[in-house]
Amino acid sequence: MLTWKPPLSGSSPVAYLIFRNSALTDLIGIVPAEQLFQRPQSQKNHIYTYFVVSVDEKGNFSSPAEVVVVD
């Protein structure tokens, strides 16, 4: 499970895009304005890095926030 906090400034997000690489090419999920995402199945003893981008009602994107998970 991934969780995060909303951006501290700017417009309120209407959705979050979840990526599994820093190039932001491996989109693995789009979630509504909740800060919660059920990760795909993962292997034990691996490190996974995810990037979360918020989108506001005007379609503006935030800078990606990095989330590192160790299973």
Protein backbone atom coordinates (compact mmCIF):
# COMPACT_ATOMS: atom_id res chain seq x y z
CA MET A 1 0.00 0.00 0.00
CA LEU A 2 1.34 3.45 -0.90
CA THR A 3 0.27 6.55 0.99
CA TRP A 4 1.34 10.19 0.66
CA LYS A 5 0.39 13.69 1.71
CA PRO A 6 -1.25 16.24 -0.60
CA PRO A 7 0.82 19.15 -1.94
CA LEU A 8 1.34 21.98 0.55
CA SER A 9 0.67 24.72 -1.99
CA GLY A 10 -1.24 25.27 -5.19
CA SER A 11 -4.65 23.96 -6.21
CA SER A 12 -6.24 20.95 -4.56
CA PRO A 13 -5.60 17.73 -6.48
CA VAL A 14 -8.47 15.95 -8.21
CA ALA A 15 -6.36 12.89 -9.04
CA TYR A 16 -2.93 11.34 -8.61
CA LEU A 17 -0.85 9.51 -11.22
CA ILE A 18 1.36 6.70 -9.93
CA PHE A 19 4.50 5.80 -11.89
CA ARG A 20 7.05 3.05 -11.28
CA ASN A 21 10.06 4.78 -12.86
CA SER A 22 11.71 8.19 -12.77
CA ALA A 23 11.17 8.77 -16.51
CA LEU A 24 7.41 8.81 -15.74
CA THR A 25 6.72 6.38 -18.59
CA ASP A 26 5.48 3.39 -16.57
CA LEU A 27 2.05 4.57 -15.37
CA ILE A 28 0.67 1.92 -13.03
CA GLY A 29 -2.32 3.71 -11.59
CA ILE A 30 -4.60 6.72 -11.51
CA VAL A 31 -6.42 7.36 -8.26
CA PRO A 32 -8.94 10.01 -7.22
CA ALA A 33 -8.02 12.67 -4.69
CA GLU A 34 -7.42 10.11 -1.92
CA GLN A 35 -3.79 9.57 -0.88
CA LEU A 36 -3.88 5.78 -1.07
CA PHE A 37 -2.88 3.24 -3.74
CA GLN A 38 -2.82 -0.56 -3.58
CA ARG A 39 0.53 -1.56 -5.10
CA PRO A 40 0.84 -4.38 -7.61
CA GLN A 41 2.18 -7.66 -6.26
CA SER A 42 5.86 -7.36 -5.36
CA GLN A 43 8.76 -9.62 -4.48
CA LYS A 44 10.23 -9.90 -0.99
CA ASN A 45 13.58 -8.22 -0.27
CA HIS A 46 13.32 -5.85 -3.23
CA ILE A 47 13.39 -2.07 -3.30
CA TYR A 48 10.72 -0.38 -5.38
CA THR A 49 10.63 3.30 -6.25
CA TYR A 50 7.37 4.98 -7.18
CA PHE A 51 6.64 8.54 -8.24
CA VAL A 52 3.38 10.32 -7.46
CA VAL A 53 2.18 13.29 -9.53
CA SER A 54 -0.89 15.29 -8.56
CA VAL A 55 -3.29 16.76 -11.11
CA ASP A 56 -5.57 19.71 -10.34
CA GLU A 57 -8.96 20.57 -11.86
CA LYS A 58 -7.30 22.64 -14.62
CA GLY A 59 -5.07 19.74 -15.68
CA ASN A 60 -1.89 21.16 -14.14
CA PHE A 61 0.66 18.58 -12.97
CA SER A 62 2.84 18.81 -9.87
CA SER A 63 6.48 17.86 -9.75
CA PRO A 64 6.83 14.14 -9.04
CA ALA A 65 7.23 13.08 -5.42
CA GLU A 66 9.42 10.03 -4.86
CA VAL A 67 8.18 7.16 -2.68
CA VAL A 68 10.63 4.34 -1.87
CA VAL A 69 9.30 1.01 -0.59
CA VAL A 70 11.37 -1.90 0.73
CA ASP A 71 9.57 -5.24 0.82
